[in-house]
N, C-alpha and C. Protein backbone atom coordinates (compact mmCIF):
# COMPACT_ATOMS: atom_id res chain seq x y z
N UNK A 1 206.04 83.98 286.68
CA UNK A 1 205.24 84.39 286.35
C UNK A 1 205.20 85.89 285.75
N UNK A 2 205.87 86.95 285.98
CA UNK A 2 205.77 88.13 285.38
C UNK A 2 206.07 88.36 284.55
N UNK A 3 207.88 87.58 283.93
CA UNK A 3 208.04 87.38 282.88
C UNK A 3 207.58 86.32 281.84
N UNK A 4 207.32 86.12 282.30
CA UNK A 4 206.15 84.98 281.23
C UNK A 4 204.82 86.16 280.64
N UNK A 5 204.65 86.66 281.39
CA UNK A 5 203.58 87.87 280.34
C UNK A 5 204.35 88.06 280.32
N UNK A 6 204.76 89.06 279.74
CA UNK A 6 205.43 90.19 279.39
C UNK A 6 206.15 89.18 278.62
N UNK A 7 206.84 88.07 278.40
CA UNK A 7 207.09 87.45 276.60
C UNK A 7 206.25 87.38 276.00
N UNK A 8 204.93 86.87 276.56
CA UNK A 8 203.40 85.95 275.72
C UNK A 8 202.80 87.65 275.66
N UNK A 9 203.34 89.01 276.27
CA UNK A 9 203.14 90.63 275.37
C UNK A 9 203.80 90.41 274.46
N UNK A 10 204.97 91.22 274.58
CA UNK A 10 205.78 90.94 273.24
C UNK A 10 205.67 90.05 272.56
N UNK A 11 205.50 88.81 272.41
CA UNK A 11 205.12 88.09 271.12
C UNK A 11 203.59 88.08 270.48
N UNK A 12 202.92 88.61 271.39
CA UNK A 12 201.62 89.17 270.42
C UNK A 12 201.65 90.82 269.68
N UNK A 13 202.09 91.46 270.16
CA UNK A 13 202.53 92.54 270.03
C UNK A 13 203.91 92.78 269.09
N UNK A 14 204.18 91.29 268.89
CA UNK A 14 205.25 91.31 267.34
C UNK A 14 204.64 91.16 266.23
N UNK A 15 205.72 91.81 265.69
CA UNK A 15 204.19 91.49 263.99
C UNK A 15 204.63 89.99 263.31
N UNK A 16 203.49 89.09 262.22
CA UNK A 16 202.88 88.62 262.16
C UNK A 16 204.28 87.47 261.37
N UNK A 17 205.20 87.00 260.83
CA UNK A 17 206.12 86.10 259.85
C UNK A 17 205.60 85.87 259.05
N UNK A 18 204.94 86.94 258.11
CA UNK A 18 204.30 86.14 256.46
C UNK A 18 205.34 86.32 255.41
N UNK A 19 205.30 85.26 254.55
CA UNK A 19 206.31 84.50 253.63
C UNK A 19 206.20 85.69 252.90
N UNK A 20 206.77 87.48 251.88
CA UNK A 20 206.80 87.87 251.07
C UNK A 20 206.31 87.78 250.06
N UNK A 21 205.48 88.13 248.87
CA UNK A 21 205.55 88.20 247.43
C UNK A 21 206.86 87.52 246.92
N UNK A 22 206.82 86.79 246.00
CA UNK A 22 208.39 86.36 245.77
C UNK A 22 208.07 86.82 243.99
N UNK A 23 209.25 87.19 242.81
CA UNK A 23 209.13 87.03 242.12
C UNK A 23 210.37 86.17 241.10
N UNK A 24 209.37 85.38 240.19
CA UNK A 24 210.05 84.68 239.53
C UNK A 24 209.93 84.94 238.17
N UNK A 25 210.64 84.90 237.02
CA UNK A 25 211.35 84.71 236.15
C UNK A 25 211.45 83.25 235.12
N UNK A 26 210.50 83.55 234.19
CA UNK A 26 210.61 81.43 232.91
C UNK A 26 212.08 81.91 233.26
N UNK A 27 212.01 79.96 233.11
CA UNK A 27 213.42 79.66 233.21
C UNK A 27 213.32 79.07 230.64
N UNK A 28 213.05 79.46 230.44
CA UNK A 28 212.54 79.76 228.65
C UNK A 28 214.16 79.35 228.28
N UNK A 29 215.77 79.62 228.24
CA UNK A 29 217.15 78.83 227.74
C UNK A 29 216.64 77.93 228.39
N UNK A 30 216.68 77.65 229.18
CA UNK A 30 216.54 76.04 229.60
C UNK A 30 215.84 75.18 229.27
N UNK A 31 214.43 75.85 228.51
CA UNK A 31 213.72 74.92 228.05
C UNK A 31 212.63 73.99 228.66
N UNK A 32 212.39 75.04 229.89
CA UNK A 32 211.94 74.32 231.50
C UNK A 32 210.62 74.59 231.14
N UNK A 33 210.02 76.14 230.40
CA UNK A 33 209.16 76.86 230.08
C UNK A 33 208.97 76.86 228.94
N UNK A 34 207.01 76.77 228.28
CA UNK A 34 207.03 76.50 226.81
C UNK A 34 205.58 77.04 226.89
N UNK A 35 205.28 77.44 225.73
CA UNK A 35 203.43 77.93 225.42
C UNK A 35 203.28 76.23 224.75
N UNK A 36 202.61 75.37 224.82
CA UNK A 36 201.32 75.04 223.26
C UNK A 36 200.67 76.04 222.88
N UNK A 37 200.41 74.98 221.95
CA UNK A 37 198.89 74.84 221.69
C UNK A 37 198.84 73.36 220.99
N UNK A 38 197.16 72.69 220.75
CA UNK A 38 196.54 72.46 219.97
C UNK A 38 195.46 72.96 218.93
N UNK A 39 194.53 72.44 217.94
CA UNK A 39 193.76 72.77 216.86
C UNK A 39 193.73 71.39 216.83
N UNK A 40 191.74 71.14 216.56
CA UNK A 40 191.46 70.44 215.70
C UNK A 40 192.16 70.71 214.32
N UNK A 41 191.70 69.44 214.20
CA UNK A 41 192.32 68.94 212.60
C UNK A 41 191.12 68.34 212.36
N UNK A 42 190.05 68.97 211.70
CA UNK A 42 189.13 68.44 210.35
C UNK A 42 188.15 66.97 211.66
N UNK A 43 188.42 67.48 212.68
CA UNK A 43 187.07 66.28 213.46
C UNK A 43 187.89 64.75 214.34
N UNK A 44 189.60 64.75 213.48
CA UNK A 44 190.15 63.65 213.34
C UNK A 44 190.68 64.04 213.82
N UNK A 45 191.58 64.33 214.44
CA UNK A 45 193.08 64.84 215.28
C UNK A 45 193.33 66.47 215.29
N UNK A 46 194.36 66.19 215.86
CA UNK A 46 194.84 67.64 216.84
C UNK A 46 195.69 68.00 215.94
N UNK A 47 195.89 69.45 215.68
CA UNK A 47 197.42 70.27 215.09
C UNK A 47 198.30 70.54 216.25
N UNK A 48 199.43 70.00 217.15
CA UNK A 48 199.68 70.60 217.78
C UNK A 48 201.30 71.11 217.66
N UNK A 49 201.55 72.61 217.97
CA UNK A 49 201.99 73.21 218.20
C UNK A 49 203.00 73.95 219.00
N UNK A 50 204.16 75.14 219.34
CA UNK A 50 204.24 75.82 220.03
C UNK A 50 205.36 77.26 219.66
N UNK A 51 205.58 77.59 221.10
CA UNK A 51 206.38 78.97 220.10
C UNK A 51 207.72 78.85 220.92
N UNK A 52 208.22 79.20 220.38
CA UNK A 52 209.63 79.13 220.75
C UNK A 52 210.18 80.29 221.00
N UNK A 53 209.83 81.88 221.25
CA UNK A 53 210.55 82.54 221.74
C UNK A 53 209.76 83.39 222.52
N UNK A 54 209.05 83.30 223.60
CA UNK A 54 208.55 84.16 224.60
C UNK A 54 209.32 83.85 226.42
N UNK A 55 208.68 85.44 226.47
CA UNK A 55 209.53 85.63 228.25
C UNK A 55 208.13 86.08 229.03
N UNK A 56 208.53 85.73 229.85
CA UNK A 56 207.81 85.39 231.54
C UNK A 56 207.96 85.96 232.63
N UNK A 57 207.11 86.33 233.71
CA UNK A 57 208.00 86.55 234.44
C UNK A 57 206.05 86.62 236.05
N UNK A 58 206.60 85.94 237.22
CA UNK A 58 205.03 85.66 238.00
C UNK A 58 205.18 85.98 239.02
N UNK A 59 204.55 87.08 240.20
CA UNK A 59 204.12 87.48 241.56
C UNK A 59 204.46 86.49 242.46
N UNK A 60 204.42 85.14 243.74
CA UNK A 60 203.57 84.34 243.84
C UNK A 60 203.55 84.60 245.21
N UNK A 61 202.80 84.79 245.95
CA UNK A 61 202.24 84.69 247.25
C UNK A 61 201.80 83.47 247.65
N UNK A 62 202.71 83.13 248.45
CA UNK A 62 201.48 82.02 248.87
C UNK A 62 200.52 82.45 249.84
N UNK A 63 200.35 83.32 250.82
CA UNK A 63 199.97 83.01 252.21
C UNK A 63 199.14 84.72 251.83
N UNK A 64 198.99 84.82 250.25
CA UNK A 64 197.92 86.24 249.59
C UNK A 64 197.61 85.85 248.34
N UNK A 65 197.12 84.81 247.75
CA UNK A 65 196.66 84.89 246.23
C UNK A 65 196.62 86.74 245.48
N UNK A 66 195.99 87.19 245.74
CA UNK A 66 195.17 88.20 245.15
C UNK A 66 197.24 89.67 245.23
N UNK A 67 198.56 89.31 246.01
CA UNK A 67 199.07 90.00 245.33
C UNK A 67 199.63 89.00 243.71
N UNK A 68 199.31 87.96 243.66
CA UNK A 68 199.58 87.30 242.73
C UNK A 68 199.49 87.80 241.79
N UNK A 69 200.29 88.24 240.24
CA UNK A 69 200.20 88.52 238.94
C UNK A 69 201.16 87.77 237.82
N UNK A 70 201.16 88.17 236.58
CA UNK A 70 202.25 86.56 235.70
C UNK A 70 201.93 87.82 233.59
N UNK A 71 202.62 87.20 233.47
CA UNK A 71 203.17 88.27 232.61
C UNK A 71 203.20 87.38 232.02
N UNK A 72 203.54 87.45 230.45
CA UNK A 72 203.78 86.82 229.30
C UNK A 72 204.08 88.21 227.94
N UNK A 73 204.80 87.62 227.43
CA UNK A 73 205.27 88.30 225.71
C UNK A 73 205.59 86.72 225.26
N UNK A 74 205.37 86.85 223.52
CA UNK A 74 205.21 85.37 222.85
C UNK A 74 205.26 87.09 221.60
N UNK A 75 206.81 85.76 220.67
CA UNK A 75 206.69 86.67 220.02
C UNK A 75 206.50 85.69 217.71
N UNK A 76 205.18 86.24 217.81
CA UNK A 76 204.61 85.15 217.54
C UNK A 76 205.34 84.83 215.86
N UNK A 77 206.44 85.15 215.73
CA UNK A 77 206.75 84.38 213.85
C UNK A 77 207.72 83.17 214.86
N UNK A 78 207.44 82.90 216.05
CA UNK A 78 208.24 81.39 217.04
C UNK A 78 207.27 80.48 217.03
N UNK A 79 206.55 80.71 215.98
CA UNK A 79 205.11 79.90 215.95
C UNK A 79 206.13 78.75 215.22
N UNK A 80 205.97 76.87 215.79
CA UNK A 80 206.43 76.21 215.26
C UNK A 80 205.53 74.56 215.26
N UNK A 81 205.52 74.04 214.23
CA UNK A 81 203.70 73.18 213.66
C UNK A 81 204.78 71.52 213.74
N UNK A 82 206.21 71.67 213.49
CA UNK A 82 207.09 70.96 212.97
C UNK A 82 206.81 71.08 211.47
N UNK A 83 206.47 71.96 210.52
CA UNK A 83 205.85 71.95 208.81
C UNK A 83 205.73 73.06 208.81
N UNK A 84 207.11 73.62 208.01
CA UNK A 84 207.58 74.86 207.60
C UNK A 84 206.72 75.58 206.74
N UNK A 85 205.71 74.84 205.72
CA UNK A 85 204.32 74.93 204.62
C UNK A 85 203.26 75.55 205.52
N UNK A 86 203.10 75.15 207.04
CA UNK A 86 201.79 75.25 207.40
C UNK A 86 202.32 76.16 208.61
N UNK A 87 203.49 76.15 208.89
CA UNK A 87 204.49 77.40 209.30
C UNK A 87 204.59 78.88 208.67
N UNK A 88 204.34 78.47 207.22
CA UNK A 88 203.98 80.59 206.61
C UNK A 88 202.83 80.67 206.82
N UNK A 89 201.64 80.18 206.29
CA UNK A 89 200.73 80.19 205.94
C UNK A 89 199.95 80.70 207.55
N UNK A 90 200.14 80.07 209.01
CA UNK A 90 200.17 81.16 210.10
C UNK A 90 200.92 82.20 210.19
N UNK A 91 201.42 82.42 210.04
CA UNK A 91 202.20 83.24 209.82
C UNK A 91 201.92 84.71 208.74
N UNK A 92 201.21 84.10 208.25
CA UNK A 92 200.69 85.10 206.70
C UNK A 92 199.41 86.19 208.03
N UNK A 93 198.97 87.06 206.82
CA UNK A 93 197.95 87.27 206.94
C UNK A 93 196.43 87.09 207.50
N UNK A 94 196.75 85.46 206.61
CA UNK A 94 195.17 84.92 206.78
C UNK A 94 195.36 84.47 209.08
N UNK A 95 195.90 84.21 209.56
CA UNK A 95 196.02 84.33 210.42
C UNK A 95 197.09 84.65 211.54
N UNK A 96 198.17 84.99 212.24
CA UNK A 96 198.83 85.79 212.70
C UNK A 96 199.03 87.57 212.56
N UNK A 97 199.17 87.61 211.21
CA UNK A 97 199.89 88.43 210.77
C UNK A 97 200.87 88.75 210.79
N UNK A 98 202.21 87.91 211.36
CA UNK A 98 203.28 88.06 212.31
C UNK A 98 203.67 89.79 211.96
N UNK A 99 204.08 90.24 210.41
CA UNK A 99 204.75 91.33 210.31
C UNK A 99 203.69 92.17 210.82
N UNK A 100 202.56 92.81 210.67
CA UNK A 100 201.21 93.70 211.01
C UNK A 100 201.71 93.62 213.10
N UNK A 101 201.52 92.71 213.02
CA UNK A 101 201.30 92.10 214.83
C UNK A 101 202.72 91.40 215.03
N UNK A 102 203.92 90.95 215.56
CA UNK A 102 205.32 90.67 215.50
C UNK A 102 204.47 90.74 216.94
N UNK A 103 204.22 90.61 217.91
CA UNK A 103 204.21 89.62 219.83
C UNK A 103 201.73 89.51 220.29
N UNK A 104 202.54 88.70 221.21
CA UNK A 104 200.60 88.36 221.49
C UNK A 104 201.47 88.41 223.01
N UNK A 105 200.46 88.76 223.84
CA UNK A 105 200.47 89.02 225.52
C UNK A 105 200.14 88.32 226.13
N UNK A 106 199.73 88.66 228.07
CA UNK A 106 199.09 88.23 228.63
C UNK A 106 199.73 88.54 229.72
N UNK A 107 198.28 89.38 230.81
CA UNK A 107 198.80 90.34 231.23
C UNK A 107 197.91 89.64 232.10
N UNK A 108 197.89 89.46 233.35
CA UNK A 108 197.12 89.33 234.36
C UNK A 108 196.23 90.10 235.23
N UNK A 109 194.92 90.26 235.71
CA UNK A 109 194.82 91.16 236.57
C UNK A 109 193.70 91.10 237.63
N UNK A 110 193.90 89.13 238.17
CA UNK A 110 193.91 89.30 239.53
C UNK A 110 193.69 88.01 238.94
N UNK A 111 194.08 86.91 240.01
CA UNK A 111 194.34 85.21 240.47
C UNK A 111 193.33 85.46 242.22
N UNK A 112 192.90 84.13 241.86
CA UNK A 112 192.50 83.84 243.11
C UNK A 112 192.17 82.70 243.77
N UNK A 113 192.61 82.68 244.74
CA UNK A 113 193.25 80.40 244.32
C UNK A 113 191.91 79.94 245.62
N UNK A 114 191.66 79.02 244.96
CA UNK A 114 190.41 77.61 244.41
C UNK A 114 190.37 76.88 246.18
N UNK A 115 190.07 77.22 247.47
CA UNK A 115 190.71 76.59 248.56
C UNK A 115 190.35 74.71 248.42
N UNK A 116 189.08 74.96 247.79
CA UNK A 116 189.14 73.46 248.25
C UNK A 116 189.87 72.33 246.77
N UNK A 117 190.79 72.54 245.51
CA UNK A 117 191.47 71.56 245.05
C UNK A 117 192.82 72.61 245.22
N UNK A 118 193.04 73.12 245.22
CA UNK A 118 194.02 74.71 244.95
C UNK A 118 194.28 75.01 243.97
N UNK A 119 193.58 74.99 243.45
CA UNK A 119 193.63 75.87 241.30
C UNK A 119 194.02 76.78 241.19
N UNK A 120 194.55 77.32 240.79
CA UNK A 120 194.57 79.18 240.94
C UNK A 120 193.64 79.79 239.73
N UNK A 121 192.56 79.98 239.82
CA UNK A 121 191.64 81.50 238.41
C UNK A 121 192.66 82.29 238.11
N UNK A 122 192.49 82.65 237.36
CA UNK A 122 193.91 83.80 236.48
C UNK A 122 192.99 84.45 235.47
N UNK A 123 192.45 85.62 236.14
CA UNK A 123 192.02 86.97 234.90
C UNK A 123 193.23 87.75 234.56
N UNK A 124 192.68 88.36 232.66
CA UNK A 124 193.86 89.20 232.77
C UNK A 124 193.79 90.01 231.31
N UNK A 125 194.20 90.13 230.36
CA UNK A 125 193.71 91.35 229.21
C UNK A 125 195.03 90.24 228.20
N UNK A 126 194.33 89.93 227.32
CA UNK A 126 195.09 88.59 226.34
C UNK A 126 195.53 89.10 224.97
N UNK A 127 196.31 90.15 223.94
CA UNK A 127 195.85 90.74 224.09
C UNK A 127 196.79 89.60 222.14
N UNK A 128 196.39 89.92 220.75
CA UNK A 128 195.79 89.02 219.80
C UNK A 128 195.98 89.46 219.19
N UNK A 129 196.88 89.53 217.66
CA UNK A 129 196.49 89.65 216.34
C UNK A 129 195.36 91.59 216.65
N UNK A 130 196.54 91.43 217.82
CA UNK A 130 196.25 94.04 217.83
C UNK A 130 195.23 94.03 218.94
N UNK A 131 194.22 92.59 218.84
CA UNK A 131 192.70 93.47 219.53
C UNK A 131 193.34 92.68 220.88
N UNK A 132 192.45 93.02 222.32
CA UNK A 132 193.36 92.33 223.45
C UNK A 132 191.20 92.14 224.78
N UNK A 133 191.25 90.89 224.84
CA UNK A 133 190.26 90.94 225.29
C UNK A 133 189.92 90.68 226.63
N UNK A 134 189.46 90.52 227.77
CA UNK A 134 189.75 89.82 228.19
C UNK A 134 189.32 87.98 228.49
N UNK A 135 190.24 87.98 229.89
CA UNK A 135 190.29 85.57 229.67
C UNK A 135 190.29 85.68 230.82
N UNK A 136 190.17 83.91 231.67
CA UNK A 136 190.10 83.97 232.60
C UNK A 136 190.02 81.57 232.73
N UNK A 137 190.70 81.69 233.48
CA UNK A 137 191.36 80.31 233.11
C UNK A 137 192.40 79.56 234.02
N UNK A 138 192.04 78.70 234.35
CA UNK A 138 193.06 77.47 235.10
C UNK A 138 193.57 77.58 235.67
N UNK A 139 195.30 77.47 236.17
CA UNK A 139 196.14 77.53 236.54
C UNK A 139 195.69 75.96 237.90
N UNK A 140 197.13 75.30 237.58
CA UNK A 140 197.35 74.91 240.08
C UNK A 140 199.23 74.51 239.07
N UNK A 141 199.48 74.57 240.67
CA UNK A 141 201.22 74.21 240.93
C UNK A 141 201.11 72.70 240.79
N UNK A 142 202.76 72.74 240.45
CA UNK A 142 203.53 71.68 239.69
C UNK A 142 204.13 71.28 240.82
N UNK A 143 204.88 71.80 241.62
CA UNK A 143 206.17 71.83 242.60
C UNK A 143 206.78 73.22 243.36
N UNK A 144 208.17 72.62 244.18
CA UNK A 144 208.28 74.02 244.03
C UNK A 144 210.27 74.12 245.11
N UNK A 145 211.22 74.35 244.52
CA UNK A 145 211.54 73.74 245.93
C UNK A 145 212.87 73.87 245.30
N UNK A 146 214.58 73.78 245.56
CA UNK A 146 215.63 73.47 245.89
C UNK A 146 216.50 73.16 244.22
N UNK A 147 216.89 74.17 243.52
CA UNK A 147 217.92 74.05 242.45
C UNK A 147 219.00 73.62 242.76
N UNK A 148 219.20 72.57 241.75
CA UNK A 148 220.99 72.08 242.31
C UNK A 148 221.56 72.56 241.37
N UNK A 149 221.83 73.76 242.07
CA UNK A 149 222.40 75.46 241.08
C UNK A 149 222.35 76.26 242.81
N UNK A 150 221.68 76.16 243.41
CA UNK A 150 221.74 76.99 243.96
C UNK A 150 220.01 77.93 244.03
N UNK A 151 219.31 77.80 243.55
CA UNK A 151 218.42 78.62 243.23
C UNK A 151 217.44 77.83 243.34
N UNK A 152 215.32 78.73 243.73
CA UNK A 152 214.76 77.90 243.78
C UNK A 152 213.63 77.80 242.92
N UNK A 153 213.90 76.94 242.85
CA UNK A 153 212.35 77.39 241.69
C UNK A 153 210.74 77.12 241.77
N UNK A 154 209.72 77.34 240.68
CA UNK A 154 208.10 76.96 241.39
C UNK A 154 207.43 77.03 239.13
N UNK A 155 207.21 76.46 239.77
CA UNK A 155 206.79 75.40 238.24
C UNK A 155 205.03 76.02 238.42
N UNK A 156 204.51 76.02 237.19
CA UNK A 156 202.95 76.57 237.28
C UNK A 156 202.35 75.29 235.87
N UNK A 157 200.92 74.80 235.91
CA UNK A 157 200.78 74.46 234.53
C UNK A 157 199.00 75.35 234.33
N UNK A 158 198.89 74.95 233.04
CA UNK A 158 197.46 75.52 233.18
C UNK A 158 197.14 75.60 231.47
N UNK A 159 195.19 76.16 231.70
CA UNK A 159 194.79 75.34 230.03
C UNK A 159 194.56 76.71 229.64
N UNK A 160 194.32 77.71 228.41
CA UNK A 160 193.21 78.91 228.04
C UNK A 160 192.37 77.83 226.95
N UNK A 161 191.25 78.77 226.51
CA UNK A 161 190.22 77.86 225.32
C UNK A 161 190.02 79.61 224.68
N UNK A 162 190.43 79.87 223.34
CA UNK A 162 190.12 80.58 222.77
C UNK A 162 189.83 80.59 221.54
N UNK A 163 188.98 81.70 221.05
CA UNK A 163 188.71 80.86 219.74
C UNK A 163 188.45 82.46 218.58
N UNK A 164 189.89 82.65 217.63
CA UNK A 164 190.30 83.12 216.96
C UNK A 164 189.41 83.98 216.21
N UNK A 165 187.77 83.66 216.26
CA UNK A 165 187.83 84.83 215.71
C UNK A 165 187.45 85.92 216.51
N UNK A 166 187.45 85.55 217.64
CA UNK A 166 186.67 87.25 218.84
C UNK A 166 188.01 88.22 218.74
N UNK A 167 188.90 87.91 218.17
CA UNK A 167 190.30 88.47 218.24
C UNK A 167 189.92 88.49 217.12
N UNK A 168 189.46 88.63 215.51
CA UNK A 168 189.49 89.15 214.57
C UNK A 168 189.85 87.79 212.86
N UNK A 169 190.88 87.22 213.77
CA UNK A 169 191.22 86.41 212.54
C UNK A 169 190.08 85.10 212.24
N UNK A 170 189.75 86.03 210.83
CA UNK A 170 188.44 84.78 210.15
C UNK A 170 188.63 83.80 209.09
N UNK A 171 190.06 83.45 209.45
CA UNK A 171 189.71 81.79 207.78
C UNK A 171 189.00 80.84 209.10
N UNK A 172 188.81 80.42 207.53
CA UNK A 172 187.61 79.73 207.88
C UNK A 172 188.02 78.12 208.16
N UNK A 173 188.45 77.35 209.09
CA UNK A 173 189.01 75.87 208.63
C UNK A 173 187.66 75.09 209.16
N UNK A 174 186.54 75.19 209.09
CA UNK A 174 185.88 74.64 209.58
C UNK A 174 185.32 74.95 211.06
N UNK A 175 184.05 74.14 212.08
CA UNK A 175 183.16 74.05 213.27
C UNK A 175 184.81 73.84 214.05
N UNK A 176 185.23 72.61 214.07
CA UNK A 176 186.46 71.70 214.34
C UNK A 176 187.21 72.45 214.72
N UNK A 177 188.35 73.70 213.97
CA UNK A 177 188.80 74.56 214.56
C UNK A 177 189.13 75.55 215.08
N UNK A 178 186.97 75.89 215.21
CA UNK A 178 186.80 77.64 215.97
C UNK A 178 187.67 77.36 217.00
N UNK A 179 188.45 76.36 218.37
CA UNK A 179 188.86 76.39 219.02
C UNK A 179 189.77 76.25 219.48
N UNK A 180 190.87 77.41 219.74
CA UNK A 180 192.05 77.22 220.03
C UNK A 180 192.97 76.30 221.37
N UNK A 181 193.05 75.87 222.25
CA UNK A 181 193.88 75.75 223.50
C UNK A 181 194.80 75.93 223.88
N UNK A 182 195.87 77.08 224.69
CA UNK A 182 196.57 77.12 224.80
C UNK A 182 197.68 76.28 225.83
N UNK A 183 198.93 75.32 225.99
CA UNK A 183 198.77 75.50 227.00
C UNK A 183 200.22 75.81 227.43
N UNK A 184 200.27 75.94 228.20
CA UNK A 184 201.57 77.10 229.65
C UNK A 184 201.97 75.72 230.95
N UNK A 185 203.22 75.35 230.08
CA UNK A 185 204.07 74.90 231.47
C UNK A 185 205.74 76.19 231.67
N UNK A 186 205.36 76.69 232.99
CA UNK A 186 205.83 77.56 232.81
C UNK A 186 206.84 76.92 234.74
N UNK A 187 207.99 77.01 233.79
CA UNK A 187 209.09 77.00 235.39
C UNK A 187 210.19 77.82 235.70
N UNK A 188 209.50 78.82 236.92
CA UNK A 188 210.73 79.66 237.17
C UNK A 188 211.70 80.28 238.20
N UNK A 189 212.56 80.22 237.45
CA UNK A 189 213.05 81.05 238.70
C UNK A 189 213.63 82.15 239.64
N UNK A 190 213.60 81.54 241.58
CA UNK A 190 213.20 82.85 241.89
C UNK A 190 214.06 84.39 241.88
N UNK A 191 214.26 85.49 241.78
CA UNK A 191 215.43 86.32 241.39
C UNK A 191 215.32 86.71 242.81
């Protein structure tokens, strides 16, 4: 009986086993991560595209979302809408002005988890066109697990709405195109 009490006391005094925060780097080389966008075209349809060159990393703590963070850096010259003339125009000073602003970036300032649906709210600073603004968007985990090469992967997806005019881009495409939707599909490899 005495040994059982001592063993129980030792277990209570032992540090709790919590998962440590894990660092991941987006698998952009394997094309398992993407930053896409869409913008309404004249109210009739959508123009969609992507940025072909970007880097992203994130920290994930399953036990405490306050330890989570994400960073993304985008090469703005890598914009691709599958239409060379349109891409040249978007790269010009009418829109992204890639010569003056070769990068766009996002760095989170906080991450919280919604216990009801398991989604995360990410807040942070988006720098676009040389202007930094606070933004907020929702992400959700797609899945996690071992890969066939002995590594471990974790994936998230989310969407952010932004108004180019808020960042100083004032080229008028009409009211239907006033909002751009950025879509993130990030599969990270645990480091």
